[in-house]
All heavy atoms as atom14 arrays in JSON, in Angstrom:
{
  "sequence": "ILREEEGRLEYDLLLAPGADLSQVVVRCGGVDSVRL",
  "atom14_mask": [
    [1, 1, 1, 1, 1, 1, 1, 1, 0, 0, 0, 0, 0, 0],
    [1, 1, 1, 1, 1, 1, 1, 1, 0, 0, 0, 0, 0, 0],
    [1, 1, 1, 1, 1, 1, 1, 1, 1, 1, 1, 0, 0, 0],
    [1, 1, 1, 1, 1, 1, 1, 1, 1, 0, 0, 0, 0, 0],
    [1, 1, 1, 1, 1, 1, 1, 1, 1, 0, 0, 0, 0, 0],
    [1, 1, 1, 1, 1, 1, 1, 1, 1, 0, 0, 0, 0, 0],
    [1, 1, 1, 1, 0, 0, 0, 0, 0, 0, 0, 0, 0, 0],
    [1, 1, 1, 1, 1, 1, 1, 1, 1, 1, 1, 0, 0, 0],
    [1, 1, 1, 1, 1, 1, 1, 1, 0, 0, 0, 0, 0, 0],
    [1, 1, 1, 1, 1, 1, 1, 1, 1, 0, 0, 0, 0, 0],
    [1, 1, 1, 1, 1, 1, 1, 1, 1, 1, 1, 1, 0, 0],
    [1, 1, 1, 1, 1, 1, 1, 1, 0, 0, 0, 0, 0, 0],
    [1, 1, 1, 1, 1, 1, 1, 1, 0, 0, 0, 0, 0, 0],
    [1, 1, 1, 1, 1, 1, 1, 1, 0, 0, 0, 0, 0, 0],
    [1, 1, 1, 1, 1, 1, 1, 1, 0, 0, 0, 0, 0, 0],
    [1, 1, 1, 1, 1, 0, 0, 0, 0, 0, 0, 0, 0, 0],
    [1, 1, 1, 1, 1, 1, 1, 0, 0, 0, 0, 0, 0, 0],
    [1, 1, 1, 1, 0, 0, 0, 0, 0, 0, 0, 0, 0, 0],
    [1, 1, 1, 1, 1, 0, 0, 0, 0, 0, 0, 0, 0, 0],
    [1, 1, 1, 1, 1, 1, 1, 1, 0, 0, 0, 0, 0, 0],
    [1, 1, 1, 1, 1, 1, 1, 1, 0, 0, 0, 0, 0, 0],
    [1, 1, 1, 1, 1, 1, 0, 0, 0, 0, 0, 0, 0, 0],
    [1, 1, 1, 1, 1, 1, 1, 1, 1, 0, 0, 0, 0, 0],
    [1, 1, 1, 1, 1, 1, 1, 0, 0, 0, 0, 0, 0, 0],
    [1, 1, 1, 1, 1, 1, 1, 0, 0, 0, 0, 0, 0, 0],
    [1, 1, 1, 1, 1, 1, 1, 0, 0, 0, 0, 0, 0, 0],
    [1, 1, 1, 1, 1, 1, 1, 1, 1, 1, 1, 0, 0, 0],
    [1, 1, 1, 1, 1, 1, 0, 0, 0, 0, 0, 0, 0, 0],
    [1, 1, 1, 1, 0, 0, 0, 0, 0, 0, 0, 0, 0, 0],
    [1, 1, 1, 1, 0, 0, 0, 0, 0, 0, 0, 0, 0, 0],
    [1, 1, 1, 1, 1, 1, 1, 0, 0, 0, 0, 0, 0, 0],
    [1, 1, 1, 1, 1, 1, 1, 1, 0, 0, 0, 0, 0, 0],
    [1, 1, 1, 1, 1, 1, 0, 0, 0, 0, 0, 0, 0, 0],
    [1, 1, 1, 1, 1, 1, 1, 0, 0, 0, 0, 0, 0, 0],
    [1, 1, 1, 1, 1, 1, 1, 1, 1, 1, 1, 0, 0, 0],
    [1, 1, 1, 1, 1, 1, 1, 1, 0, 0, 0, 0, 0, 0]
  ],
  "atom14_positions": [
    [[51.02, 111.35, 49.21], [50.33, 111.46, 47.95], [51.36, 111.86, 46.86], [52.1, 112.81, 46.98], [49.2, 112.47, 47.93], [48.12, 112.11, 48.93], [48.63, 112.68, 46.54], [46.94, 113.05, 49.02], [0.0, 0.0, 0.0], [0.0, 0.0, 0.0], [0.0, 0.0, 0.0], [0.0, 0.0, 0.0], [0.0, 0.0, 0.0], [0.0, 0.0, 0.0]],
    [[51.46, 111.0, 45.84], [52.31, 111.28, 44.73], [51.49, 111.64, 43.48], [50.47, 111.08, 43.22], [53.16, 109.96, 44.38], [54.17, 109.52, 45.4], [54.61, 108.09, 44.99], [55.29, 110.46, 45.47], [0.0, 0.0, 0.0], [0.0, 0.0, 0.0], [0.0, 0.0, 0.0], [0.0, 0.0, 0.0], [0.0, 0.0, 0.0], [0.0, 0.0, 0.0]],
    [[52.07, 112.52, 42.66], [51.35, 112.97, 41.42], [52.43, 113.58, 40.5], [53.44, 113.99, 40.92], [50.31, 114.0, 41.74], [50.76, 115.27, 42.27], [49.63, 116.27, 42.67], [50.22, 117.48, 43.14], [50.77, 117.66, 44.36], [50.87, 116.61, 45.14], [51.28, 118.74, 44.72], [0.0, 0.0, 0.0], [0.0, 0.0, 0.0], [0.0, 0.0, 0.0]],
    [[52.03, 113.59, 39.23], [52.84, 114.27, 38.25], [52.29, 115.64, 37.98], [51.1, 115.83, 37.82], [52.84, 113.43, 36.89], [53.65, 114.04, 35.81], [52.84, 114.98, 34.9], [51.61, 114.84, 34.79], [53.49, 115.86, 34.32], [0.0, 0.0, 0.0], [0.0, 0.0, 0.0], [0.0, 0.0, 0.0], [0.0, 0.0, 0.0], [0.0, 0.0, 0.0]],
    [[53.12, 116.65, 37.9], [52.67, 118.06, 37.69], [53.62, 118.63, 36.66], [54.76, 118.9, 37.05], [52.68, 118.79, 39.02], [52.11, 120.14, 38.98], [50.61, 120.15, 38.76], [50.03, 119.32, 39.44], [50.05, 121.01, 38.05], [0.0, 0.0, 0.0], [0.0, 0.0, 0.0], [0.0, 0.0, 0.0], [0.0, 0.0, 0.0], [0.0, 0.0, 0.0]],
    [[53.12, 118.86, 35.45], [53.96, 119.51, 34.42], [55.29, 118.77, 34.15], [56.34, 119.48, 34.05], [54.2, 121.0, 34.69], [52.83, 121.77, 34.72], [53.07, 123.26, 35.04], [54.16, 123.74, 34.95], [52.07, 123.9, 35.3], [0.0, 0.0, 0.0], [0.0, 0.0, 0.0], [0.0, 0.0, 0.0], [0.0, 0.0, 0.0], [0.0, 0.0, 0.0]],
    [[55.2, 117.47, 34.12], [56.43, 116.7, 33.88], [57.33, 116.44, 35.09], [58.41, 115.8, 34.95], [0.0, 0.0, 0.0], [0.0, 0.0, 0.0], [0.0, 0.0, 0.0], [0.0, 0.0, 0.0], [0.0, 0.0, 0.0], [0.0, 0.0, 0.0], [0.0, 0.0, 0.0], [0.0, 0.0, 0.0], [0.0, 0.0, 0.0], [0.0, 0.0, 0.0]],
    [[56.9, 116.92, 36.23], [57.68, 116.71, 37.49], [56.92, 115.82, 38.45], [55.71, 115.89, 38.53], [57.96, 118.05, 38.22], [58.75, 119.04, 37.33], [59.0, 120.37, 38.11], [57.78, 120.81, 38.86], [57.04, 121.81, 38.41], [57.18, 122.35, 37.26], [56.02, 122.16, 39.17], [0.0, 0.0, 0.0], [0.0, 0.0, 0.0], [0.0, 0.0, 0.0]],
    [[57.7, 115.01, 39.22], [57.1, 114.26, 40.27], [56.89, 115.16, 41.52], [57.86, 115.82, 41.85], [57.98, 113.09, 40.66], [57.45, 112.25, 41.86], [56.17, 111.54, 41.43], [58.51, 111.24, 42.15], [0.0, 0.0, 0.0], [0.0, 0.0, 0.0], [0.0, 0.0, 0.0], [0.0, 0.0, 0.0], [0.0, 0.0, 0.0], [0.0, 0.0, 0.0]],
    [[55.68, 115.32, 42.01], [55.45, 116.09, 43.16], [54.79, 115.17, 44.24], [54.18, 114.13, 43.93], [54.59, 117.25, 42.86], [55.2, 118.21, 41.86], [54.66, 119.59, 41.93], [53.66, 119.86, 42.69], [55.2, 120.46, 41.25], [0.0, 0.0, 0.0], [0.0, 0.0, 0.0], [0.0, 0.0, 0.0], [0.0, 0.0, 0.0], [0.0, 0.0, 0.0]],
    [[54.88, 115.58, 45.41], [54.3, 114.77, 46.58], [53.87, 115.74, 47.68], [54.28, 116.84, 47.8], [55.26, 113.8, 47.13], [56.47, 114.41, 47.83], [56.44, 114.64, 49.2], [57.62, 114.75, 47.16], [57.46, 115.2, 49.87], [58.73, 115.28, 47.75], [58.64, 115.57, 49.11], [59.71, 116.15, 49.8], [0.0, 0.0, 0.0], [0.0, 0.0, 0.0]],
    [[52.9, 115.19, 48.37], [52.36, 115.84, 49.65], [52.49, 114.84, 50.76], [52.17, 113.66, 50.56], [50.9, 116.29, 49.49], [50.72, 117.36, 48.49], [51.5, 118.34, 48.51], [49.76, 117.21, 47.63], [0.0, 0.0, 0.0], [0.0, 0.0, 0.0], [0.0, 0.0, 0.0], [0.0, 0.0, 0.0], [0.0, 0.0, 0.0], [0.0, 0.0, 0.0]],
    [[52.94, 115.25, 51.93], [52.87, 114.46, 53.1], [51.7, 114.95, 53.9], [51.59, 116.06, 54.26], [54.17, 114.64, 53.94], [55.42, 114.11, 53.2], [56.66, 114.57, 53.92], [55.4, 112.58, 53.12], [0.0, 0.0, 0.0], [0.0, 0.0, 0.0], [0.0, 0.0, 0.0], [0.0, 0.0, 0.0], [0.0, 0.0, 0.0], [0.0, 0.0, 0.0]],
    [[50.83, 113.98, 54.32], [49.65, 114.38, 55.13], [49.95, 113.87, 56.55], [50.15, 112.65, 56.7], [48.36, 113.67, 54.52], [48.1, 113.9, 53.08], [46.88, 113.09, 52.65], [47.95, 115.39, 52.77], [0.0, 0.0, 0.0], [0.0, 0.0, 0.0], [0.0, 0.0, 0.0], [0.0, 0.0, 0.0], [0.0, 0.0, 0.0], [0.0, 0.0, 0.0]],
    [[49.95, 114.8, 57.49], [50.27, 114.5, 58.88], [49.09, 114.52, 59.74], [48.34, 115.51, 59.72], [51.31, 115.45, 59.39], [52.79, 115.16, 59.01], [53.01, 115.42, 57.54], [53.73, 116.01, 59.87], [0.0, 0.0, 0.0], [0.0, 0.0, 0.0], [0.0, 0.0, 0.0], [0.0, 0.0, 0.0], [0.0, 0.0, 0.0], [0.0, 0.0, 0.0]],
    [[48.87, 113.48, 60.49], [47.78, 113.47, 61.5], [48.23, 114.33, 62.68], [49.49, 114.5, 62.88], [47.51, 112.02, 61.93], [0.0, 0.0, 0.0], [0.0, 0.0, 0.0], [0.0, 0.0, 0.0], [0.0, 0.0, 0.0], [0.0, 0.0, 0.0], [0.0, 0.0, 0.0], [0.0, 0.0, 0.0], [0.0, 0.0, 0.0], [0.0, 0.0, 0.0]],
    [[47.35, 114.82, 63.46], [47.74, 115.58, 64.61], [48.7, 114.78, 65.54], [48.45, 113.57, 65.76], [46.46, 115.8, 65.38], [45.41, 115.8, 64.33], [45.88, 114.75, 63.33], [0.0, 0.0, 0.0], [0.0, 0.0, 0.0], [0.0, 0.0, 0.0], [0.0, 0.0, 0.0], [0.0, 0.0, 0.0], [0.0, 0.0, 0.0], [0.0, 0.0, 0.0]],
    [[49.81, 115.39, 65.85], [50.76, 114.73, 66.71], [51.77, 113.85, 65.98], [52.69, 113.25, 66.6], [0.0, 0.0, 0.0], [0.0, 0.0, 0.0], [0.0, 0.0, 0.0], [0.0, 0.0, 0.0], [0.0, 0.0, 0.0], [0.0, 0.0, 0.0], [0.0, 0.0, 0.0], [0.0, 0.0, 0.0], [0.0, 0.0, 0.0], [0.0, 0.0, 0.0]],
    [[51.63, 113.71, 64.68], [52.57, 112.92, 63.89], [53.96, 113.47, 63.96], [54.17, 114.73, 63.97], [52.08, 112.75, 62.41], [0.0, 0.0, 0.0], [0.0, 0.0, 0.0], [0.0, 0.0, 0.0], [0.0, 0.0, 0.0], [0.0, 0.0, 0.0], [0.0, 0.0, 0.0], [0.0, 0.0, 0.0], [0.0, 0.0, 0.0], [0.0, 0.0, 0.0]],
    [[55.01, 112.67, 63.89], [56.38, 113.1, 64.02], [57.01, 113.12, 62.59], [57.36, 112.1, 62.04], [57.13, 112.08, 64.88], [58.57, 112.44, 65.05], [59.02, 113.52, 64.64], [59.3, 111.58, 65.59], [0.0, 0.0, 0.0], [0.0, 0.0, 0.0], [0.0, 0.0, 0.0], [0.0, 0.0, 0.0], [0.0, 0.0, 0.0], [0.0, 0.0, 0.0]],
    [[57.14, 114.37, 62.1], [57.74, 114.46, 60.69], [59.15, 114.01, 60.61], [59.67, 113.65, 59.52], [57.64, 115.97, 60.32], [58.08, 116.27, 58.87], [57.28, 115.46, 57.81], [57.94, 117.74, 58.57], [0.0, 0.0, 0.0], [0.0, 0.0, 0.0], [0.0, 0.0, 0.0], [0.0, 0.0, 0.0], [0.0, 0.0, 0.0], [0.0, 0.0, 0.0]],
    [[59.96, 113.93, 61.71], [61.3, 113.44, 61.69], [61.4, 112.0, 61.26], [62.51, 111.62, 60.97], [61.99, 113.75, 62.99], [61.47, 112.89, 63.96], [0.0, 0.0, 0.0], [0.0, 0.0, 0.0], [0.0, 0.0, 0.0], [0.0, 0.0, 0.0], [0.0, 0.0, 0.0], [0.0, 0.0, 0.0], [0.0, 0.0, 0.0], [0.0, 0.0, 0.0]],
    [[60.26, 111.27, 61.24], [60.3, 109.91, 60.76], [60.59, 109.84, 59.22], [61.09, 108.81, 58.73], [58.92, 109.19, 60.98], [58.43, 109.13, 62.38], [57.09, 108.52, 62.4], [56.96, 107.35, 62.4], [56.03, 109.38, 62.4], [0.0, 0.0, 0.0], [0.0, 0.0, 0.0], [0.0, 0.0, 0.0], [0.0, 0.0, 0.0], [0.0, 0.0, 0.0]],
    [[60.27, 110.94, 58.5], [60.42, 110.96, 57.06], [61.81, 111.18, 56.62], [62.41, 112.13, 57.07], [59.46, 111.99, 56.49], [59.56, 112.03, 54.95], [57.99, 111.67, 56.91], [0.0, 0.0, 0.0], [0.0, 0.0, 0.0], [0.0, 0.0, 0.0], [0.0, 0.0, 0.0], [0.0, 0.0, 0.0], [0.0, 0.0, 0.0], [0.0, 0.0, 0.0]],
    [[62.33, 110.32, 55.76], [63.72, 110.51, 55.24], [63.53, 110.39, 53.69], [62.98, 109.45, 53.17], [64.68, 109.46, 55.75], [66.05, 109.6, 55.03], [64.82, 109.56, 57.26], [0.0, 0.0, 0.0], [0.0, 0.0, 0.0], [0.0, 0.0, 0.0], [0.0, 0.0, 0.0], [0.0, 0.0, 0.0], [0.0, 0.0, 0.0], [0.0, 0.0, 0.0]],
    [[64.06, 111.34, 53.02], [64.02, 111.32, 51.48], [65.41, 111.23, 50.97], [66.27, 112.01, 51.3], [63.34, 112.61, 50.95], [63.33, 112.62, 49.44], [61.95, 112.81, 51.49], [0.0, 0.0, 0.0], [0.0, 0.0, 0.0], [0.0, 0.0, 0.0], [0.0, 0.0, 0.0], [0.0, 0.0, 0.0], [0.0, 0.0, 0.0], [0.0, 0.0, 0.0]],
    [[65.66, 110.22, 50.18], [66.97, 110.07, 49.56], [66.82, 110.1, 48.06], [65.94, 109.55, 47.49], [67.5, 108.62, 49.93], [67.81, 108.49, 51.38], [68.27, 107.11, 51.69], [68.07, 106.98, 53.16], [68.82, 106.22, 53.94], [69.68, 105.4, 53.42], [68.63, 106.15, 55.22], [0.0, 0.0, 0.0], [0.0, 0.0, 0.0], [0.0, 0.0, 0.0]],
    [[67.71, 110.77, 47.44], [67.76, 111.0, 45.99], [69.09, 110.7, 45.38], [70.07, 111.44, 45.7], [67.3, 112.44, 45.61], [65.72, 112.86, 46.28], [0.0, 0.0, 0.0], [0.0, 0.0, 0.0], [0.0, 0.0, 0.0], [0.0, 0.0, 0.0], [0.0, 0.0, 0.0], [0.0, 0.0, 0.0], [0.0, 0.0, 0.0], [0.0, 0.0, 0.0]],
    [[69.13, 109.66, 44.63], [70.42, 109.33, 43.99], [70.65, 110.18, 42.66], [69.7, 110.62, 42.07], [0.0, 0.0, 0.0], [0.0, 0.0, 0.0], [0.0, 0.0, 0.0], [0.0, 0.0, 0.0], [0.0, 0.0, 0.0], [0.0, 0.0, 0.0], [0.0, 0.0, 0.0], [0.0, 0.0, 0.0], [0.0, 0.0, 0.0], [0.0, 0.0, 0.0]],
    [[71.92, 110.44, 42.38], [72.21, 111.13, 41.17], [71.97, 112.63, 41.3], [71.92, 113.38, 40.22], [0.0, 0.0, 0.0], [0.0, 0.0, 0.0], [0.0, 0.0, 0.0], [0.0, 0.0, 0.0], [0.0, 0.0, 0.0], [0.0, 0.0, 0.0], [0.0, 0.0, 0.0], [0.0, 0.0, 0.0], [0.0, 0.0, 0.0], [0.0, 0.0, 0.0]],
    [[71.88, 113.17, 42.47], [71.61, 114.59, 42.62], [72.93, 115.34, 42.87], [73.72, 114.97, 43.76], [70.69, 114.86, 43.84], [70.45, 116.31, 44.14], [69.31, 114.18, 43.62], [0.0, 0.0, 0.0], [0.0, 0.0, 0.0], [0.0, 0.0, 0.0], [0.0, 0.0, 0.0], [0.0, 0.0, 0.0], [0.0, 0.0, 0.0], [0.0, 0.0, 0.0]],
    [[73.15, 116.4, 42.04], [74.4, 117.2, 42.22], [74.2, 118.36, 43.14], [75.2, 118.8, 43.81], [74.82, 117.73, 40.85], [75.27, 116.61, 39.91], [75.89, 115.59, 40.42], [74.91, 116.66, 38.75], [0.0, 0.0, 0.0], [0.0, 0.0, 0.0], [0.0, 0.0, 0.0], [0.0, 0.0, 0.0], [0.0, 0.0, 0.0], [0.0, 0.0, 0.0]],
    [[72.99, 118.9, 43.26], [72.8, 120.07, 44.15], [71.32, 120.06, 44.69], [70.48, 119.48, 44.03], [73.12, 121.37, 43.47], [72.18, 121.68, 42.41], [0.0, 0.0, 0.0], [0.0, 0.0, 0.0], [0.0, 0.0, 0.0], [0.0, 0.0, 0.0], [0.0, 0.0, 0.0], [0.0, 0.0, 0.0], [0.0, 0.0, 0.0], [0.0, 0.0, 0.0]],
    [[71.15, 120.7, 45.82], [69.85, 120.79, 46.52], [69.72, 122.23, 46.91], [70.64, 122.8, 47.48], [69.8, 119.92, 47.75], [68.43, 120.11, 48.46], [70.04, 118.42, 47.37], [0.0, 0.0, 0.0], [0.0, 0.0, 0.0], [0.0, 0.0, 0.0], [0.0, 0.0, 0.0], [0.0, 0.0, 0.0], [0.0, 0.0, 0.0], [0.0, 0.0, 0.0]],
    [[68.59, 122.89, 46.55], [68.35, 124.27, 46.91], [66.83, 124.54, 47.06], [66.11, 123.75, 46.55], [69.01, 125.25, 45.93], [68.4, 125.19, 44.53], [69.08, 126.1, 43.59], [68.55, 125.91, 42.22], [67.41, 126.44, 41.75], [66.66, 127.2, 42.5], [67.05, 126.25, 40.49], [0.0, 0.0, 0.0], [0.0, 0.0, 0.0], [0.0, 0.0, 0.0]],
    [[66.53, 125.66, 47.66], [65.15, 126.06, 47.72], [64.93, 127.16, 46.64], [65.8, 128.05, 46.49], [64.78, 126.63, 49.01], [64.82, 125.69, 50.23], [64.54, 126.39, 51.51], [63.76, 124.57, 50.0], [0.0, 0.0, 0.0], [0.0, 0.0, 0.0], [0.0, 0.0, 0.0], [0.0, 0.0, 0.0], [0.0, 0.0, 0.0], [0.0, 0.0, 0.0]]
  ]
}
């Protein structure tokens, strides 16, 4: 699920029971740093 929240792109991944999250790969071009 993709949505805009206060000018930012946000997303939710909905996993069915037993789904393998390691299938998901996110690539972002033009990124200088990544942090929590």
